[in-house]
Amino acid sequence: MGLMEYVESHSTDPRWNLALEEYLFTSMDQTKDYFMLWQNDNTVVVGKNQNVTEEVNEATARINGVTVVRRMSGGGAVYHDLGNLNFTFITDAGRLSEIDFFRFCRPVAETLRAMGVPAEINGRNDLTVHGKKFSGSAQWIQGGRVLHHGT
């Protein structure tokens, strides 16, 4: 990853934010790298291969004004609200023989440690503090590019 263009979404609508991610990934200058920060308000985001009816109590979501959306990447269902910050890296996949989560989790953990938060990378794609997971992440690879996002 080289110098990245920073994109900050001021929307808290998950449909807008996931569409912006997809637009950056598929339609923007493919020679550039992008880093995006964004938040969603009261949202369940399900992975591309998940069964929504198995993951979400749709009646409860509707009653509580929780938006349910599907993302382009795999992984499990997550809940977003204004108490968490989401990040996205978009760059060349390089010669990755398999999905490399550490490549993208490392700068997040290093930034948090520089801010005094004892963040560690645990397992394949989790960020932890004192052994407790606070962020998972997922990836989508297509056309030689990788989109990596997490909470």
Foldseek 3Di string as FASTA:
>chain_A
DPDAAEAEDPDQDPVVVLVVLVCCQPPDDQQHKYKYKYFHAQEKEAEPPDDCVVQDPVVVCVVVVHHYYYHDWHDGIDTTRPVDMKMKIKHFPPPDPDDQQCVPVVVVCVVVVVVVFNWDADPRAFIDGPPHTDKGKTWDDDPRMIMIMMD
